[in-house]
Protein backbone atom coordinates (compact mmCIF):
# COMPACT_ATOMS: atom_id res chain seq x y z
CA MET A 1 0.00 0.00 0.00
CA ARG A 2 2.82 2.37 0.87
CA TYR A 3 4.59 1.62 -2.40
CA LEU A 4 1.43 2.40 -4.31
CA LEU A 5 1.23 5.83 -2.70
CA ILE A 6 4.89 6.50 -3.48
CA PHE A 7 4.27 5.40 -7.07
CA PHE A 8 1.34 7.82 -7.41
CA LEU A 9 3.34 10.70 -5.94
CA ILE A 10 6.29 10.06 -8.25
CA LEU A 11 3.95 9.77 -11.23
CA ILE A 12 2.26 13.08 -10.40
CA ILE A 13 5.56 14.90 -9.86
CA VAL A 14 7.08 13.57 -13.10
CA SER A 15 3.92 14.50 -15.01
CA LEU A 16 4.00 18.03 -13.65
CA ILE A 17 7.68 18.47 -14.50
CA ILE A 18 7.17 17.22 -18.06
CA SER A 19 4.10 19.41 -18.46
CA LEU A 20 5.92 22.52 -17.27
CA LEU A 21 8.92 21.81 -19.51
CA LEU A 22 6.74 21.32 -22.58
CA GLU A 23 4.80 24.46 -21.79
CA LYS A 24 8.03 26.47 -21.63
CA LEU A 25 9.27 24.96 -24.90
CA LEU A 26 6.03 25.70 -26.76
CA GLU A 27 5.34 29.02 -25.07
CA ASN A 28 6.37 31.20 -27.98
CA GLY A 29 3.72 29.90 -30.40
CA GLU A 30 0.49 31.66 -31.28
CA LYS A 31 -2.16 31.25 -28.59
CA ILE A 32 -5.70 30.24 -29.52
CA ASP A 33 -8.52 31.93 -27.62
CA GLU A 34 -11.45 30.70 -29.73
CA GLY A 35 -12.29 27.47 -31.51
CA PHE A 36 -10.77 24.03 -31.16
CA ALA A 37 -7.18 23.47 -30.08
CA PHE A 38 -5.84 19.94 -29.86
CA CYS A 39 -2.72 20.86 -27.91
CA PHE A 40 -3.14 22.33 -24.41
CA TRP A 41 -0.06 24.50 -24.80
CA ASN A 42 -1.54 26.36 -27.77
CA LEU A 43 -4.39 27.71 -25.63
CA SER A 44 -4.45 31.18 -24.14
CA TYR A 45 -4.34 31.48 -20.36
CA ARG A 46 -8.07 32.21 -20.31
CA ARG A 47 -8.79 28.96 -22.15
CA LYS A 48 -6.37 27.05 -19.91
CA PHE A 49 -8.20 28.40 -16.88
CA ILE A 50 -11.56 27.28 -18.30
CA ARG A 51 -10.18 23.87 -19.27
CA THR A 52 -8.84 23.42 -15.75
CA PHE A 53 -12.37 23.70 -14.39
CA TRP A 54 -13.63 21.25 -17.00
CA MET A 55 -11.29 18.70 -15.41
CA LEU A 56 -13.03 18.95 -12.00
CA PRO A 57 -15.47 16.06 -12.68
CA PHE A 58 -12.53 13.86 -13.67
CA LEU A 59 -10.78 14.73 -10.42
CA ALA A 60 -13.85 13.65 -8.45
CA ALA A 61 -14.15 10.45 -10.50
CA VAL A 62 -10.50 9.53 -9.89
CA ILE A 63 -10.85 10.05 -6.15
CA CYS A 64 -14.07 7.99 -6.03
CA TYR A 65 -12.55 5.22 -8.16
CA LEU A 66 -9.49 5.15 -5.92
CA HIS A 67 -11.65 4.76 -2.82
CA ILE A 68 -13.84 2.06 -4.37
CA THR A 69 -10.81 0.13 -5.59
CA TYR A 70 -8.61 0.22 -2.47
CA LYS A 71 -11.25 0.83 0.25
CA SER A 72 -8.80 2.90 2.23
CA TYR A 73 -9.91 6.17 3.75
CA LEU A 74 -6.31 7.16 4.48
CA LEU A 75 -5.15 6.65 0.90
CA THR A 76 -8.25 8.38 -0.45
CA CYS A 77 -7.74 11.38 1.83
CA ILE A 78 -4.03 11.72 1.06
CA VAL A 79 -4.42 11.43 -2.71
CA GLY A 80 -7.55 13.61 -2.63
CA VAL A 81 -5.77 16.37 -0.76
CA ILE A 82 -2.75 16.22 -3.06
CA LEU A 83 -4.82 16.26 -6.26
CA SER A 84 -7.09 19.00 -4.93
CA ALA A 85 -4.09 21.12 -3.97
CA ILE A 86 -2.62 20.67 -7.45
CA PHE A 87 -5.98 21.58 -9.00
CA ILE A 88 -6.33 24.73 -6.89
CA LEU A 89 -2.73 25.82 -7.54
CA GLN A 90 -3.17 25.30 -11.27
CA ALA A 91 -6.44 27.26 -11.34
CA VAL A 92 -4.94 30.16 -9.36
CA TYR A 93 -1.83 30.18 -11.56
CA TYR A 94 -3.80 30.33 -14.82
CA TYR A 95 -6.19 32.93 -13.43
CA LYS A 96 -3.32 35.23 -12.44
CA LYS A 97 -1.56 34.72 -15.78
CA TRP A 98 -4.84 35.43 -17.61
CA LYS A 99 -5.36 38.68 -15.73
CA MET A 100 -1.74 39.73 -16.31
CA GLU A 101 -2.05 38.93 -20.01
CA LYS A 102 -5.26 40.97 -20.20
CA LYS A 103 -3.53 44.18 -19.05
């Protein structure tokens, strides 16, 4: 059980690092504020902020699935707090960047 938690934490950290690196590499491209964009990094900060909130149901589904699968309140609480903190930090970050970009 402990190794599973460590695995999830490492997976989340690696995913965040890769995401941030790719965002920095593709940052100079033209940003899309309307219409369809396949790549997340091509979106404007406003669209990234909106897309972050579209991911909220998936966050809830992952936490529920985790609890149903492992039946561990401790694991569910720990992973839920970590994922919720990441979600909140991401939403705040994109909101601030959107408002700075707007000025």
